[in-house]
Amino acid sequence: MPDAPVIDLPDDAELHVLVPSRRLGEHLEQLSPRVRAHRVDPADGPPTGDAARARVWVPAGGSGIPDGFLDGLPDLRLVQLMSAGAEKFAGRLPDGVVLCNARGAHTPATAEWVVAATLAAQRGLPHLTREQDAGRWSPRTDRSLVGARVLVVGAGDIGRTVGAMMAGFDVDLTYVARTARDGVRSTADLPELLPDADVVVVIVPVTDETTGMVDAAFLAAMPDGALLVNAARGVVVDTDALLAELTAGRLRAALDVTEPEPLPEGHPLWTAPGLLLTPHVAGNVPDTGRRATEAVAAQLQRVLAGEPLQNVVETY
């Protein structure tokens, strides 16, 4: 794990912070008279004036780093994300800049989506909803989550919360992570574990190792009729390989993320059989914004107090 660094800030110095919205800036300025928030849009180019003195940048959700933007921030020491996903920033920051995420802010909502999507797919609700729209009374028998064998690939905060939420369904749950530890199997064990899974939940960060992890071999190892649930990122799954399995009717899937994203008009995923698809909304509930704001505010309080940062993704 990365060390927990401390941002060097003299006791009487102002803390200039770049923010994506006026509301967030006003909230952060209430922390201390030393905080000066500057609303910026990185697409407009490098900051100027006092904004160029920023030590902290809080990017908008889903944004990246436009070319040249960081060149105008010589005092930058911390990029504090409002999301857990950090793939657009990891490995792209200059020396001396720490990358931190908002671990936990999206956890309850994302885990809730996983459970909701799994239940909906297992009980055939997407099909039944279409039958309702068509005015057809079409009773049938579908699968159940109760007693299902569930494989959660990703044993972090969200994965653990998924497990806790599913506990009431008496599932047979197995956690998988990059390295084995007490109660967690290694990804090296996936060829052994996948053939016995009724539901496979993927909730891993994007890394070189996880990009394309769910490939043709991974999917082929899943048993007929199994459900793949992806609440990680679209690049974790090989879209063509998944489409082949869905089109053949062998597997089912529930996706909140896709590759590409947004999914373009006419893409075959739109009409793939056995697919429940949502447009990257798993974390979109009212409390998520509040939790993310609180995470940013708590981090700034650590900076002001000279305390070690939390939720460090990378140090440079």
Protein backbone atom coordinates (compact mmCIF):
# COMPACT_ATOMS: atom_id res chain seq x y z
CA MET A 1 0.00 0.00 0.00
CA PRO A 2 1.23 3.55 -0.68
CA ASP A 3 2.59 5.54 2.25
CA ALA A 4 0.32 8.16 3.83
CA PRO A 5 2.12 11.44 3.11
CA VAL A 6 1.59 14.85 4.67
CA ILE A 7 1.09 17.96 2.53
CA ASP A 8 3.52 20.67 3.59
CA LEU A 9 1.54 23.84 4.32
CA PRO A 10 2.81 26.65 6.58
CA ASP A 11 0.54 27.34 9.56
CA ASP A 12 -0.57 30.75 8.30
CA ALA A 13 -0.65 29.98 4.58
CA GLU A 14 -3.82 30.03 2.50
CA LEU A 15 -4.89 26.75 0.95
CA HIS A 16 -5.95 27.32 -2.65
CA VAL A 17 -8.21 24.57 -3.99
CA LEU A 18 -9.54 24.02 -7.52
CA VAL A 19 -13.13 22.74 -7.52
CA PRO A 20 -15.64 21.75 -10.23
CA SER A 21 -18.64 23.57 -8.74
CA ARG A 22 -19.50 26.69 -6.79
CA ARG A 23 -21.47 24.70 -4.24
CA LEU A 24 -18.49 22.51 -3.39
CA GLY A 25 -16.25 25.57 -3.18
CA GLU A 26 -18.59 27.32 -0.76
CA HIS A 27 -18.76 24.21 1.41
CA LEU A 28 -14.97 23.87 1.55
CA GLU A 29 -14.42 27.54 2.35
CA GLN A 30 -16.55 27.08 5.46
CA LEU A 31 -13.89 24.74 6.85
CA SER A 32 -11.43 27.55 7.52
CA PRO A 33 -10.77 31.17 6.55
CA ARG A 34 -7.51 29.85 5.10
CA VAL A 35 -9.30 27.89 2.35
CA ARG A 36 -9.70 29.67 -0.98
CA ALA A 37 -11.74 27.74 -3.54
CA HIS A 38 -11.55 28.46 -7.27
CA ARG A 39 -14.11 27.01 -9.67
CA VAL A 40 -12.32 25.91 -12.84
CA ASP A 41 -13.06 23.96 -15.99
CA PRO A 42 -9.86 22.21 -17.11
CA ALA A 43 -11.09 22.37 -20.70
CA ASP A 44 -10.55 26.14 -20.54
CA GLY A 45 -6.80 25.66 -20.11
CA PRO A 46 -4.34 26.12 -17.24
CA PRO A 47 -5.57 28.24 -14.30
CA THR A 48 -4.50 31.85 -13.94
CA GLY A 49 -4.24 34.31 -11.06
CA ASP A 50 -4.66 32.96 -7.54
CA ALA A 51 -6.08 29.71 -8.95
CA ALA A 52 -2.61 28.94 -10.32
CA ARG A 53 -1.39 28.78 -6.69
CA ALA A 54 -3.58 25.77 -5.97
CA ARG A 55 -2.12 22.99 -3.85
CA VAL A 56 -5.22 20.83 -4.23
CA TRP A 57 -7.30 19.95 -7.29
CA VAL A 58 -10.69 18.29 -6.95
CA PRO A 59 -11.65 17.16 -10.49
CA ALA A 60 -15.21 16.74 -11.65
CA GLY A 61 -16.47 13.17 -11.68
CA GLY A 62 -15.52 11.35 -14.84
CA SER A 63 -13.07 14.00 -16.02
CA GLY A 64 -9.48 13.41 -17.03
CA ILE A 65 -6.41 15.63 -17.37
CA PRO A 66 -6.38 17.90 -20.45
CA ASP A 67 -3.00 18.43 -22.06
CA GLY A 68 -1.12 21.31 -20.47
CA PHE A 69 -3.51 21.77 -17.55
CA LEU A 70 -1.05 20.64 -14.88
CA ASP A 71 1.70 22.81 -16.37
CA GLY A 72 -0.05 25.84 -14.90
CA LEU A 73 -0.07 24.44 -11.36
CA PRO A 74 3.50 24.54 -10.01
CA ASP A 75 2.35 24.32 -6.36
CA LEU A 76 -0.02 21.37 -6.83
CA ARG A 77 0.52 18.66 -4.22
CA LEU A 78 -2.76 16.73 -4.08
CA VAL A 79 -5.36 15.53 -6.58
CA GLN A 80 -8.40 14.52 -4.52
CA LEU A 81 -11.00 12.57 -6.46
CA MET A 82 -14.71 12.47 -5.63
CA SER A 83 -14.93 8.90 -6.89
CA ALA A 84 -13.29 5.58 -6.08
CA GLY A 85 -12.16 4.95 -9.65
CA ALA A 86 -8.78 6.54 -10.34
CA GLU A 87 -7.80 5.04 -13.70
CA LYS A 88 -7.93 8.38 -15.56
CA PHE A 89 -5.32 9.88 -13.21
CA ALA A 90 -3.13 7.02 -12.02
CA GLY A 91 0.33 7.22 -13.52
CA ARG A 92 -0.30 10.63 -15.07
CA LEU A 93 0.62 13.03 -12.27
CA PRO A 94 3.98 14.83 -11.94
CA ASP A 95 6.52 14.19 -9.21
CA GLY A 96 5.47 15.46 -5.80
CA VAL A 97 1.71 15.17 -6.42
CA VAL A 98 -0.34 12.68 -4.40
CA LEU A 99 -3.44 10.99 -5.82
CA CYS A 100 -6.27 10.15 -3.40
CA ASN A 101 -9.78 8.85 -4.02
CA ALA A 102 -13.09 9.08 -2.17
CA ARG A 103 -13.15 5.47 -1.04
CA GLY A 104 -16.48 4.64 0.52
CA ALA A 105 -18.49 7.52 -0.93
CA HIS A 106 -20.05 5.34 -3.63
CA THR A 107 -19.99 2.09 -1.69
CA PRO A 108 -23.58 1.78 -0.39
CA ALA A 109 -25.22 2.84 -3.65
CA THR A 110 -23.00 0.69 -5.88
CA ALA A 111 -23.43 -2.37 -3.69
CA GLU A 112 -27.18 -1.75 -3.66
CA TRP A 113 -27.22 -1.65 -7.47
CA VAL A 114 -25.35 -4.96 -7.61
CA VAL A 115 -27.94 -6.60 -5.39
CA ALA A 116 -30.86 -4.97 -7.23
CA ALA A 117 -29.52 -5.91 -10.67
CA THR A 118 -28.75 -9.45 -9.55
CA LEU A 119 -32.23 -9.91 -8.13
CA ALA A 120 -33.87 -8.41 -11.21
CA ALA A 121 -31.89 -10.62 -13.57
CA GLN A 122 -32.37 -13.77 -11.52
CA ARG A 123 -36.14 -13.26 -11.27
CA GLY A 124 -36.52 -12.28 -14.93
CA LEU A 125 -37.84 -8.78 -14.22
CA PRO A 126 -36.47 -7.18 -17.43
CA HIS A 127 -38.44 -9.70 -19.53
CA LEU A 128 -41.56 -9.36 -17.41
CA THR A 129 -41.41 -5.58 -17.62
CA ARG A 130 -41.31 -5.79 -21.42
CA GLU A 131 -44.30 -8.13 -21.30
CA GLN A 132 -46.13 -5.58 -19.14
CA ASP A 133 -45.37 -2.83 -21.68
CA ALA A 134 -46.81 -5.07 -24.40
CA GLY A 135 -49.93 -5.83 -22.36
CA ARG A 136 -49.19 -9.55 -22.14
CA TRP A 137 -49.79 -11.74 -19.08
CA SER A 138 -46.84 -14.14 -19.36
CA PRO A 139 -46.18 -16.16 -16.20
CA ARG A 140 -43.01 -18.23 -16.15
CA THR A 141 -40.45 -19.67 -13.74
CA ASP A 142 -37.09 -17.92 -13.29
CA ARG A 143 -34.04 -18.39 -11.12
CA SER A 144 -33.55 -17.20 -7.54
CA LEU A 145 -30.82 -15.47 -5.59
CA VAL A 146 -31.69 -17.43 -2.45
CA GLY A 147 -29.10 -20.13 -1.94
CA ALA A 148 -27.16 -19.16 -5.09
CA ARG A 149 -23.43 -19.71 -5.37
CA VAL A 150 -22.03 -16.17 -5.72
CA LEU A 151 -18.46 -15.30 -6.66
CA VAL A 152 -17.45 -11.71 -5.84
CA VAL A 153 -14.30 -10.78 -7.74
CA GLY A 154 -12.96 -7.83 -5.78
CA ALA A 155 -12.78 -7.98 -1.99
CA GLY A 156 -12.52 -4.27 -1.32
CA ASP A 157 -15.00 -1.95 0.36
CA ILE A 158 -17.75 -2.36 -2.25
CA GLY A 159 -17.26 -6.10 -2.64
CA ARG A 160 -17.51 -6.63 1.11
CA THR A 161 -20.68 -4.53 1.26
CA VAL A 162 -22.19 -6.59 -1.57
CA GLY A 163 -21.47 -9.69 0.48
CA ALA A 164 -23.08 -8.22 3.59
CA MET A 165 -26.19 -7.20 1.65
CA MET A 166 -26.51 -10.64 0.06
CA ALA A 167 -26.09 -12.46 3.36
CA GLY A 168 -29.82 -12.27 3.99
CA PHE A 169 -30.41 -14.37 0.87
CA ASP A 170 -28.42 -17.27 2.32
CA VAL A 171 -26.02 -17.25 -0.62
CA ASP A 172 -22.91 -19.38 -0.77
CA LEU A 173 -20.46 -16.51 -1.25
CA THR A 174 -16.77 -16.62 -2.15
CA TYR A 175 -14.51 -13.56 -2.34
CA VAL A 176 -11.67 -13.39 -4.85
CA ALA A 177 -8.83 -10.85 -4.94
CA ARG A 178 -5.40 -10.51 -6.49
CA THR A 179 -3.75 -12.18 -3.50
CA ALA A 180 -5.22 -14.82 -1.22
CA ARG A 181 -5.79 -14.07 2.46
CA ASP A 182 -8.06 -15.23 5.24
CA GLY A 183 -11.51 -15.71 3.73
CA VAL A 184 -10.40 -14.57 0.25
CA ARG A 185 -9.28 -16.75 -2.66
CA SER A 186 -6.71 -15.66 -5.23
CA THR A 187 -7.54 -14.75 -8.82
CA ALA A 188 -5.22 -17.62 -9.73
CA ASP A 189 -8.01 -19.87 -8.42
CA LEU A 190 -10.64 -18.50 -10.83
CA PRO A 191 -10.42 -21.45 -13.29
CA GLU A 192 -11.34 -23.70 -10.37
CA LEU A 193 -14.05 -21.41 -8.93
CA LEU A 194 -15.90 -20.17 -12.01
CA PRO A 195 -17.49 -23.49 -13.09
CA ASP A 196 -19.42 -23.66 -9.79
CA ALA A 197 -20.72 -20.05 -9.74
CA ASP A 198 -24.35 -19.17 -10.39
CA VAL A 199 -23.54 -15.44 -10.17
CA VAL A 200 -20.19 -13.73 -10.78
CA VAL A 201 -19.93 -10.13 -9.53
CA VAL A 202 -17.00 -8.10 -10.85
CA ILE A 203 -16.08 -5.08 -8.73
CA VAL A 204 -12.34 -4.55 -9.22
CA PRO A 205 -10.29 -1.40 -9.84
CA VAL A 206 -8.91 -0.85 -13.33
CA THR A 207 -5.28 -1.95 -13.52
CA ASP A 208 -3.10 -3.59 -16.13
CA GLU A 209 -4.01 -6.92 -14.55
CA THR A 210 -7.78 -6.37 -14.49
CA THR A 211 -8.15 -4.79 -17.94
CA GLY A 212 -9.64 -7.54 -20.08
CA MET A 213 -9.74 -9.93 -17.12
CA VAL A 214 -13.20 -11.19 -18.08
CA ASP A 215 -12.15 -12.59 -21.45
CA ALA A 216 -13.35 -15.50 -23.57
CA ALA A 217 -11.61 -18.05 -21.33
CA PHE A 218 -13.09 -16.53 -18.16
CA LEU A 219 -16.60 -16.58 -19.64
CA ALA A 220 -16.20 -20.07 -21.08
CA ALA A 221 -15.40 -21.33 -17.59
CA MET A 222 -18.76 -20.09 -16.25
CA PRO A 223 -21.55 -22.69 -16.29
CA ASP A 224 -24.53 -22.53 -18.65
CA GLY A 225 -27.12 -19.99 -17.49
CA ALA A 226 -24.78 -18.19 -15.08
CA LEU A 227 -25.07 -14.44 -14.54
CA LEU A 228 -22.20 -11.96 -14.92
CA VAL A 229 -22.65 -8.67 -13.02
CA ASN A 230 -20.21 -5.87 -13.83
CA ALA A 231 -20.18 -2.77 -11.63
CA ALA A 232 -16.46 -2.10 -12.11
CA ARG A 233 -15.52 -0.56 -15.47
CA GLY A 234 -16.32 -1.61 -19.01
CA VAL A 235 -12.69 -2.33 -19.92
CA VAL A 236 -12.61 -5.18 -17.40
CA VAL A 237 -14.83 -7.23 -19.71
CA ASP A 238 -14.07 -8.25 -23.29
CA THR A 239 -17.21 -6.93 -24.98
CA ASP A 240 -16.97 -9.14 -28.05
CA ALA A 241 -16.48 -12.26 -25.96
CA LEU A 242 -19.46 -11.39 -23.78
CA LEU A 243 -21.61 -10.65 -26.82
CA ALA A 244 -20.79 -14.08 -28.22
CA GLU A 245 -21.96 -15.77 -25.02
CA LEU A 246 -25.12 -13.66 -24.76
CA THR A 247 -26.03 -14.15 -28.41
CA ALA A 248 -25.62 -17.89 -28.02
CA GLY A 249 -27.96 -17.74 -25.03
CA ARG A 250 -25.45 -19.55 -22.84
CA LEU A 251 -24.80 -16.76 -20.29
CA ARG A 252 -26.70 -13.77 -18.93
CA ALA A 253 -25.34 -10.41 -17.77
CA ALA A 254 -26.19 -7.27 -15.82
CA LEU A 255 -23.96 -4.33 -16.76
CA ASP A 256 -23.76 -0.81 -15.38
CA VAL A 257 -20.61 -0.12 -17.38
CA THR A 258 -19.62 -0.89 -20.95
CA GLU A 259 -16.74 -0.65 -23.38
CA PRO A 260 -17.20 1.63 -25.24
CA GLU A 261 -18.99 4.10 -22.98
CA PRO A 262 -21.36 5.78 -23.51
CA LEU A 263 -22.70 2.92 -25.58
CA PRO A 264 -23.24 4.25 -29.12
CA GLU A 265 -26.50 4.01 -30.98
CA GLY A 266 -26.82 0.73 -32.84
CA HIS A 267 -24.26 -1.14 -30.73
CA PRO A 268 -25.17 -4.85 -30.48
CA LEU A 269 -25.22 -4.73 -26.68
CA TRP A 270 -28.46 -2.73 -26.85
CA THR A 271 -30.33 -5.74 -28.23
CA ALA A 272 -28.27 -8.60 -26.79
CA PRO A 273 -30.49 -11.31 -25.27
CA GLY A 274 -30.23 -11.97 -21.55
CA LEU A 275 -28.77 -8.54 -20.77
CA LEU A 276 -29.88 -6.02 -18.15
CA LEU A 277 -28.15 -2.73 -19.00
CA THR A 278 -27.99 0.56 -17.06
CA PRO A 279 -26.02 3.70 -18.08
CA HIS A 280 -23.32 3.86 -15.37
CA VAL A 281 -25.74 4.91 -12.64
CA ALA A 282 -24.90 2.46 -9.85
CA GLY A 283 -23.56 5.19 -7.58
CA ASN A 284 -26.15 7.80 -8.52
CA VAL A 285 -28.25 8.33 -5.42
CA PRO A 286 -28.68 11.64 -3.55
CA ASP A 287 -26.47 10.64 -0.62
CA THR A 288 -23.50 9.82 -2.84
CA GLY A 289 -22.79 13.49 -3.57
CA ARG A 290 -22.97 14.29 0.14
CA ARG A 291 -20.59 11.47 1.01
CA ALA A 292 -18.12 12.54 -1.68
CA THR A 293 -18.24 16.14 -0.46
CA GLU A 294 -17.64 14.98 3.11
CA ALA A 295 -14.67 12.91 1.96
CA VAL A 296 -13.10 15.92 0.24
CA ALA A 297 -13.77 18.16 3.26
CA ALA A 298 -12.23 15.63 5.64
CA GLN A 299 -9.13 15.41 3.46
CA LEU A 300 -8.72 19.20 3.42
CA GLN A 301 -8.99 19.25 7.19
CA ARG A 302 -6.07 16.82 7.30
CA VAL A 303 -4.07 19.09 5.02
CA LEU A 304 -4.81 22.12 7.22
CA ALA A 305 -3.87 20.20 10.37
CA GLY A 306 -0.68 18.74 8.88
CA GLU A 307 -2.02 15.21 9.30
CA PRO A 308 -1.36 12.20 6.99
CA LEU A 309 -3.69 11.88 4.02
CA GLN A 310 -6.19 9.03 3.72
CA ASN A 311 -7.31 6.95 0.76
CA VAL A 312 -3.97 7.35 -1.02
CA VAL A 313 -3.94 5.72 -4.45
CA GLU A 314 -0.47 6.78 -5.58
CA THR A 315 2.42 8.91 -4.39
CA TYR A 316 5.02 10.42 -6.68
